Amino acid sequence: MSETTTLTVDLGDRSYPIYIGQNLLNQADILKRHIPGKNALIVSNETVAPLYLNKVESLLSGIRFESVILPDGEQYKNLDVLNTIFDALLTHRMDRNTTIIALGGGVVGDMAGFAAACYQRGVHLIQIPTTLLSQVDSSVGGKTGVNHPLGKNMIGAFYQPLAVIADTSTLNTLDDRQLSAGLAEVIKYGLIKDADFFDWIDRNMDALLQRDPEALAYAIKVSCQTKANVVAADERESGQRALLNLGHTFGHAIETGMGYGEWLHGEAVGAGMCMAAKMSQLLGWIDQTQVDKTITIMQHAKLPTTAPDAITEQQFLDLMSVDKKVLDGVLRLVLLKRIGDAVVTKDYTREQLAASIRNSYST
């Protein structure tokens, strides 16, 4: 795709564009039009900075900028590392009209976004996601935060960017494991909202894995449009936005239980969606055919499909009880009525949940 696609997250006077296209980091005007002031802080990590930091810095002529480089990995998504961003902002005397530019994957985007939400009670934010997962999911919608040893993403804020710039050319430097992790979130959109898109992903999985530019551009566009529509309707997750968490309650338990960084987020969500499908079947909502289709597409994407043996059934139950979807002591799960139709429900018993976890280990 040589042309740039522009989508809009419609939030009234806080609406913002998502730019999707190749070589967007060669176009200074796209970035600079969204920087209101004269100061910027680029937040990146040790993997992405050597690849793209100089390119982004070259776009900022006329703007005073500094950069901070974080260690790479989910295990560094914590309050201690977050402080290095605040240290940089304060050391360089960045003011309230500063723009924080998040250059990297989901961890960088979440941490830079949370820093932007907190610093002087809120400064400007631009997301430049460089992984498939961050381009289709985490950079859009304003969820920011850090992990706590007892739970993933339990400390954070809703904070929307001024723009999202998804340069699909950056996916050429993404390793295969990270690409597969991003495909988990692409598949999620098909499962929760769009059976036709699910079928398209299934037919085009080889092209996606081979990084075909047109296939990736289409997958990113549909994913972002779906998320933009959901966020516009329910910014703070009081209703339908919770559907975007299909597989995430199981997946977050895997990430926390295994130790942050041991499984990639998308890997845990892939297995979590298979677990959610099995739970949906146990409740009589979907049949074995739909479970098999869910597992098969994850396998094709080179994602895990079973619960890790290292986490016991009781540990799963304990970890899932510390989840943002627990309201008044009740865990709401996102499950499938059918492929393309997800629901948020509390209509299950603890025994049913335990049984579905037992049924999710490899045999």
Protein backbone atom coordinates (compact mmCIF):
# COMPACT_ATOMS: atom_id res chain seq x y z
CA MET A 1 0.00 0.00 0.00
CA SER A 2 1.76 3.13 -1.15
CA GLU A 3 -1.00 5.56 -0.20
CA THR A 4 -1.71 6.56 3.40
CA THR A 5 -4.97 5.54 5.04
CA THR A 6 -6.30 7.93 7.68
CA LEU A 7 -8.88 6.76 10.22
CA THR A 8 -10.42 8.82 13.01
CA VAL A 9 -11.09 7.95 16.63
CA ASP A 10 -14.22 10.05 17.19
CA LEU A 11 -14.13 11.50 20.70
CA GLY A 12 -15.57 14.94 20.02
CA ASP A 13 -13.02 17.69 20.66
CA ARG A 14 -10.48 15.00 21.61
CA SER A 15 -10.78 13.12 18.32
CA TYR A 16 -7.54 12.12 16.66
CA PRO A 17 -6.26 10.52 13.45
CA ILE A 18 -4.63 7.14 12.91
CA TYR A 19 -2.28 7.24 9.92
CA ILE A 20 -1.49 3.87 8.33
CA GLY A 21 0.98 3.52 5.48
CA GLN A 22 4.48 2.76 4.33
CA ASN A 23 7.43 5.07 4.97
CA LEU A 24 5.46 7.52 7.13
CA LEU A 25 8.64 8.16 9.13
CA ASN A 26 10.03 9.84 6.03
CA GLN A 27 7.28 12.47 6.16
CA ALA A 28 8.03 15.23 8.66
CA ASP A 29 4.76 17.06 8.05
CA ILE A 30 2.64 14.21 9.46
CA LEU A 31 4.46 14.24 12.79
CA LYS A 32 5.08 17.96 13.17
CA ARG A 33 1.49 19.02 12.49
CA HIS A 34 0.52 17.27 15.74
CA ILE A 35 3.18 18.83 17.98
CA PRO A 36 1.59 21.96 19.52
CA GLY A 37 4.62 23.30 21.39
CA LYS A 38 8.37 23.63 20.98
CA ASN A 39 9.52 20.78 23.25
CA ALA A 40 9.40 17.04 22.74
CA LEU A 41 10.65 13.93 24.52
CA ILE A 42 11.02 10.76 22.47
CA VAL A 43 10.60 7.58 24.50
CA SER A 44 11.96 4.42 22.88
CA ASN A 45 13.76 1.23 23.89
CA GLU A 46 17.10 -0.47 23.31
CA THR A 47 15.78 -2.53 20.39
CA VAL A 48 13.85 0.12 18.47
CA ALA A 49 16.08 3.15 19.08
CA PRO A 50 19.02 1.93 16.95
CA LEU A 51 16.60 1.32 14.07
CA TYR A 52 14.36 4.40 14.05
CA LEU A 53 15.36 7.02 16.64
CA ASN A 54 17.62 8.99 14.30
CA LYS A 55 14.90 9.00 11.67
CA VAL A 56 12.32 10.44 14.07
CA GLU A 57 14.81 12.97 15.46
CA SER A 58 15.49 14.16 11.91
CA LEU A 59 11.80 15.07 11.56
CA LEU A 60 11.91 17.50 14.50
CA SER A 61 13.77 20.48 13.05
CA GLY A 62 12.83 23.63 14.94
CA ILE A 63 11.72 21.67 18.00
CA ARG A 64 13.84 21.21 21.12
CA PHE A 65 13.88 17.49 21.75
CA GLU A 66 15.49 14.94 24.02
CA SER A 67 15.32 11.15 24.03
CA VAL A 68 15.10 8.50 26.73
CA ILE A 69 15.87 4.86 26.00
CA LEU A 70 14.19 2.19 28.13
CA PRO A 71 15.26 -1.43 28.51
CA ASP A 72 13.25 -3.73 26.23
CA GLY A 73 10.76 -6.18 27.66
CA GLU A 74 7.51 -6.61 29.58
CA GLN A 75 9.51 -7.23 32.77
CA TYR A 76 10.58 -3.57 32.68
CA LYS A 77 7.04 -2.21 32.48
CA ASN A 78 6.99 -1.03 36.08
CA LEU A 79 7.04 2.08 38.25
CA ASP A 80 10.82 2.03 38.70
CA VAL A 81 11.50 2.20 34.96
CA LEU A 82 8.65 4.68 34.50
CA ASN A 83 10.59 7.04 36.74
CA THR A 84 13.38 7.25 34.15
CA ILE A 85 10.90 9.04 31.87
CA PHE A 86 10.01 11.51 34.62
CA ASP A 87 13.71 11.98 35.38
CA ALA A 88 14.32 12.95 31.74
CA LEU A 89 11.35 15.33 31.65
CA LEU A 90 12.47 17.09 34.81
CA THR A 91 16.20 17.08 34.02
CA HIS A 92 15.54 18.78 30.69
CA ARG A 93 12.96 21.16 32.20
CA MET A 94 10.15 20.09 29.90
CA ASP A 95 7.06 22.26 30.36
CA ARG A 96 3.30 21.61 30.20
CA ASN A 97 3.26 22.15 26.44
CA THR A 98 5.72 19.30 25.88
CA THR A 99 4.86 16.43 23.55
CA ILE A 100 5.91 12.91 24.50
CA ILE A 101 6.50 10.76 21.41
CA ALA A 102 6.22 7.02 22.04
CA LEU A 103 8.43 5.17 19.55
CA GLY A 104 8.21 1.43 20.00
CA GLY A 105 5.87 -1.43 20.80
CA GLY A 106 3.13 -1.82 23.36
CA VAL A 107 5.34 -1.55 26.45
CA VAL A 108 6.87 1.74 25.27
CA GLY A 109 3.47 3.08 24.24
CA ASP A 110 1.81 2.17 27.54
CA MET A 111 4.61 3.62 29.65
CA ALA A 112 5.12 6.79 27.62
CA GLY A 113 1.36 7.30 27.59
CA PHE A 114 1.10 6.92 31.35
CA ALA A 115 4.00 9.34 31.82
CA ALA A 116 2.20 11.83 29.56
CA ALA A 117 -0.98 11.45 31.59
CA CYS A 118 0.87 12.11 34.86
CA TYR A 119 3.59 14.65 34.10
CA GLN A 120 2.40 18.07 35.27
CA ARG A 121 -1.07 16.46 35.24
CA GLY A 122 -1.03 15.89 31.51
CA VAL A 123 1.14 16.75 28.51
CA HIS A 124 0.70 15.99 24.81
CA LEU A 125 1.21 12.48 23.46
CA ILE A 126 1.87 11.01 20.00
CA GLN A 127 2.07 7.26 19.42
CA ILE A 128 4.44 5.85 16.78
CA PRO A 129 3.91 2.07 17.13
CA THR A 130 6.57 -0.16 15.57
CA THR A 131 5.16 -3.65 16.23
CA LEU A 132 2.09 -5.27 14.72
CA LEU A 133 0.49 -5.66 18.14
CA SER A 134 0.92 -1.99 18.97
CA GLN A 135 -0.22 -0.87 15.50
CA VAL A 136 -3.48 -2.83 15.65
CA ASP A 137 -4.25 -2.51 19.33
CA SER A 138 -2.28 -0.91 22.14
CA SER A 139 -1.47 2.45 20.49
CA VAL A 140 -5.16 3.14 19.81
CA GLY A 141 -7.72 3.94 22.46
CA GLY A 142 -5.81 5.62 25.26
CA LYS A 143 -5.15 2.75 27.67
CA THR A 144 -1.84 3.44 29.39
CA GLY A 145 -0.12 2.02 32.44
CA VAL A 146 2.40 -0.27 34.07
CA ASN A 147 2.37 -3.70 35.65
CA HIS A 148 2.46 -4.62 39.33
CA PRO A 149 3.91 -7.91 40.60
CA LEU A 150 0.39 -8.95 41.58
CA GLY A 151 -1.36 -7.98 38.35
CA LYS A 152 -0.83 -6.77 34.80
CA ASN A 153 -1.74 -3.19 33.87
CA MET A 154 -3.26 -2.57 37.29
CA ILE A 155 -1.74 0.93 37.55
CA GLY A 156 -2.62 3.30 34.73
CA ALA A 157 -4.91 5.86 33.17
CA PHE A 158 -7.08 6.44 30.14
CA TYR A 159 -5.16 9.07 28.16
CA GLN A 160 -5.68 9.68 24.46
CA PRO A 161 -2.90 10.68 22.03
CA LEU A 162 -3.04 13.55 19.58
CA ALA A 163 -2.25 11.14 16.73
CA VAL A 164 -1.17 7.57 15.97
CA ILE A 165 1.36 7.14 13.16
CA ALA A 166 1.58 3.49 12.10
CA ASP A 167 4.41 3.14 9.60
CA THR A 168 3.95 -0.37 8.24
CA SER A 169 7.54 -0.35 6.93
CA THR A 170 8.75 -0.79 10.53
CA LEU A 171 7.26 -4.30 10.50
CA ASN A 172 10.08 -5.36 8.16
CA THR A 173 12.45 -5.34 11.14
CA LEU A 174 10.06 -7.18 13.46
CA ASP A 175 11.10 -10.69 14.46
CA ASP A 176 8.82 -13.62 13.64
CA ARG A 177 7.77 -14.21 17.23
CA GLN A 178 6.65 -10.60 17.66
CA LEU A 179 4.79 -10.75 14.34
CA SER A 180 2.82 -13.79 15.51
CA ALA A 181 2.09 -12.06 18.80
CA GLY A 182 0.55 -9.17 16.89
CA LEU A 183 -1.56 -11.53 14.81
CA ALA A 184 -3.27 -12.66 18.03
CA GLU A 185 -4.84 -9.22 18.39
CA VAL A 186 -5.81 -9.17 14.69
CA ILE A 187 -7.57 -12.52 15.10
CA LYS A 188 -9.31 -11.15 18.20
CA TYR A 189 -11.15 -8.53 16.16
CA GLY A 190 -12.53 -11.22 13.88
CA LEU A 191 -13.63 -13.35 16.82
CA ILE A 192 -15.43 -10.58 18.69
CA LYS A 193 -17.00 -8.54 15.92
CA ASP A 194 -16.53 -9.74 12.36
CA ALA A 195 -16.85 -13.35 11.19
CA ASP A 196 -16.05 -12.30 7.60
CA PHE A 197 -12.78 -10.73 8.77
CA PHE A 198 -12.00 -13.92 10.71
CA ASP A 199 -12.44 -15.91 7.50
CA TRP A 200 -10.27 -13.39 5.60
CA ILE A 201 -7.49 -13.78 8.19
CA ASP A 202 -7.77 -17.57 7.91
CA ARG A 203 -7.44 -17.44 4.11
CA ASN A 204 -4.60 -14.90 4.19
CA MET A 205 -2.55 -16.16 7.15
CA ASP A 206 0.37 -17.26 4.97
CA ALA A 207 0.52 -13.83 3.33
CA LEU A 208 0.45 -12.15 6.74
CA LEU A 209 3.22 -14.38 8.08
CA GLN A 210 5.26 -13.62 4.94
CA ARG A 211 4.72 -9.86 5.60
CA ASP A 212 2.87 -9.19 2.39
CA PRO A 213 2.45 -5.38 2.50
CA GLU A 214 -1.11 -5.32 1.15
CA ALA A 215 -2.31 -8.07 3.48
CA LEU A 216 -0.73 -6.42 6.52
CA ALA A 217 -2.09 -2.99 5.56
CA TYR A 218 -5.61 -4.40 5.23
CA ALA A 219 -5.38 -6.28 8.53
CA ILE A 220 -4.14 -3.16 10.33
CA LYS A 221 -6.82 -0.96 8.75
CA VAL A 222 -9.73 -3.25 9.68
CA SER A 223 -8.36 -3.83 13.18
CA CYS A 224 -7.87 -0.12 13.84
CA GLN A 225 -11.28 0.78 12.43
CA THR A 226 -12.95 -1.80 14.66
CA LYS A 227 -11.11 -0.55 17.72
CA ALA A 228 -11.74 3.10 16.84
CA ASN A 229 -15.48 2.42 16.58
CA VAL A 230 -15.56 0.61 19.92
CA VAL A 231 -13.51 3.28 21.71
CA ALA A 232 -15.69 6.07 20.29
CA ALA A 233 -18.76 4.33 21.69
CA ASP A 234 -17.27 3.39 25.07
CA GLU A 235 -14.03 5.21 25.85
CA ARG A 236 -13.68 4.13 29.49
CA GLU A 237 -14.87 0.55 29.20
CA SER A 238 -18.24 0.81 30.91
CA GLY A 239 -19.83 -1.47 28.32
CA GLN A 240 -18.89 -2.83 24.90
CA ARG A 241 -15.19 -1.87 25.06
CA ALA A 242 -14.73 -4.79 27.44
CA LEU A 243 -15.26 -7.06 24.42
CA LEU A 244 -11.77 -6.07 23.30
CA ASN A 245 -10.50 -8.13 26.24
CA LEU A 246 -11.41 -11.51 24.74
CA GLY A 247 -8.74 -13.92 25.96
CA HIS A 248 -7.08 -11.24 28.06
CA THR A 249 -8.26 -12.36 31.51
CA PHE A 250 -6.81 -15.82 30.92
CA GLY A 251 -3.83 -14.27 29.11
CA HIS A 252 -2.98 -11.77 31.84
CA ALA A 253 -3.02 -14.64 34.36
CA ILE A 254 -0.49 -16.45 32.16
CA GLU A 255 1.75 -13.39 31.87
CA THR A 256 1.67 -12.69 35.61
CA GLY A 257 1.97 -16.33 36.64
CA MET A 258 4.85 -17.14 34.31
CA GLY A 259 6.69 -13.89 35.09
CA TYR A 260 6.47 -10.79 32.91
CA GLY A 261 8.34 -11.22 29.66
CA GLU A 262 8.39 -15.03 29.70
CA TRP A 263 5.39 -15.13 27.33
CA LEU A 264 4.76 -12.25 24.95
CA HIS A 265 1.42 -10.52 25.49
CA GLY A 266 0.05 -11.76 22.16
CA GLU A 267 1.15 -15.31 22.91
CA ALA A 268 -0.71 -15.26 26.21
CA VAL A 269 -3.78 -13.74 24.58
CA GLY A 270 -3.69 -16.38 21.83
CA ALA A 271 -3.78 -19.17 24.40
CA GLY A 272 -6.32 -17.16 26.39
CA MET A 273 -8.70 -16.94 23.42
CA CYS A 274 -8.52 -20.73 23.03
CA MET A 275 -9.33 -21.04 26.74
CA ALA A 276 -12.25 -18.63 26.32
CA ALA A 277 -13.53 -20.69 23.39
CA LYS A 278 -13.44 -23.85 25.50
CA MET A 279 -15.27 -22.04 28.31
CA SER A 280 -17.88 -20.88 25.78
CA GLN A 281 -18.34 -24.48 24.64
CA LEU A 282 -18.67 -25.71 28.21
CA LEU A 283 -21.52 -23.23 28.69
CA GLY A 284 -23.20 -24.59 25.55
CA TRP A 285 -22.77 -21.41 23.51
CA ILE A 286 -20.51 -22.68 20.73
CA ASP A 287 -19.88 -26.14 19.35
CA GLN A 288 -16.68 -28.13 18.86
CA THR A 289 -16.36 -26.96 15.26
CA GLN A 290 -16.02 -23.32 16.36
CA VAL A 291 -13.55 -24.27 19.09
CA ASP A 292 -11.50 -26.18 16.53
CA LYS A 293 -11.55 -23.22 14.11
CA THR A 294 -10.30 -20.94 16.89
CA ILE A 295 -7.49 -23.30 17.85
CA THR A 296 -6.51 -23.99 14.24
CA ILE A 297 -6.17 -20.31 13.30
CA MET A 298 -3.97 -19.72 16.38
CA GLN A 299 -1.79 -22.68 15.42
CA HIS A 300 -1.52 -21.35 11.86
CA ALA A 301 -0.39 -18.01 13.32
CA LYS A 302 2.27 -19.92 15.32
CA LEU A 303 0.67 -19.04 18.65
CA PRO A 304 0.27 -21.18 21.79
CA THR A 305 -3.17 -22.75 22.20
CA THR A 306 -2.99 -24.39 25.63
CA ALA A 307 -2.48 -23.27 29.21
CA PRO A 308 1.10 -23.55 30.49
CA ASP A 309 1.60 -26.53 32.79
CA ALA A 310 3.65 -24.33 35.13
CA ILE A 311 0.48 -22.54 36.31
CA THR A 312 -1.89 -24.70 38.32
CA GLU A 313 -5.66 -24.52 38.12
CA GLN A 314 -5.77 -22.85 41.55
CA GLN A 315 -3.13 -20.32 40.54
CA PHE A 316 -5.22 -19.44 37.47
CA LEU A 317 -8.27 -18.88 39.64
CA ASP A 318 -6.30 -16.76 42.12
CA LEU A 319 -4.64 -14.66 39.41
CA MET A 320 -7.90 -14.12 37.54
CA SER A 321 -9.52 -12.82 40.72
CA VAL A 322 -7.10 -9.86 40.54
CA ASP A 323 -8.35 -8.46 37.25
CA LYS A 324 -9.75 -5.11 36.16
CA LYS A 325 -12.95 -6.87 35.03
CA VAL A 326 -13.74 -7.87 38.62
CA LEU A 327 -16.62 -5.66 39.75
CA ASP A 328 -18.14 -6.00 43.21
CA GLY A 329 -16.25 -9.24 43.66
CA VAL A 330 -17.54 -10.84 40.45
CA LEU A 331 -15.25 -11.59 37.49
CA ARG A 332 -16.86 -10.79 34.16
CA LEU A 333 -15.50 -12.90 31.32
CA VAL A 334 -15.53 -12.15 27.60
CA LEU A 335 -16.81 -15.27 25.85
CA LEU A 336 -18.13 -16.27 22.43
CA LYS A 337 -21.75 -16.76 21.39
CA ARG A 338 -20.30 -17.64 18.00
CA ILE A 339 -17.31 -16.58 15.92
CA GLY A 340 -17.89 -12.88 15.24
CA ASP A 341 -20.12 -12.36 18.30
CA ALA A 342 -18.64 -11.97 21.78
CA VAL A 343 -20.37 -11.07 25.04
CA VAL A 344 -19.34 -10.00 28.53
CA THR A 345 -20.89 -12.32 31.09
CA LYS A 346 -20.94 -13.26 34.76
CA ASP A 347 -23.38 -16.13 34.13
CA TYR A 348 -21.14 -19.02 35.03
CA THR A 349 -20.08 -20.83 38.17
CA ARG A 350 -16.64 -21.09 39.70
CA GLU A 351 -16.85 -24.82 39.10
CA GLN A 352 -17.45 -24.26 35.39
CA LEU A 353 -14.49 -21.89 35.19
CA ALA A 354 -12.28 -24.38 37.00
CA ALA A 355 -13.42 -27.18 34.70
CA SER A 356 -12.65 -25.13 31.58
CA ILE A 357 -9.15 -24.36 32.91
CA ARG A 358 -8.55 -28.07 33.57
CA ASN A 359 -9.63 -28.75 29.98
CA SER A 360 -7.13 -26.22 28.60
CA TYR A 361 -3.86 -27.93 29.44
CA SER A 362 -2.06 -29.91 26.77
CA THR A 363 -2.78 -33.62 26.94
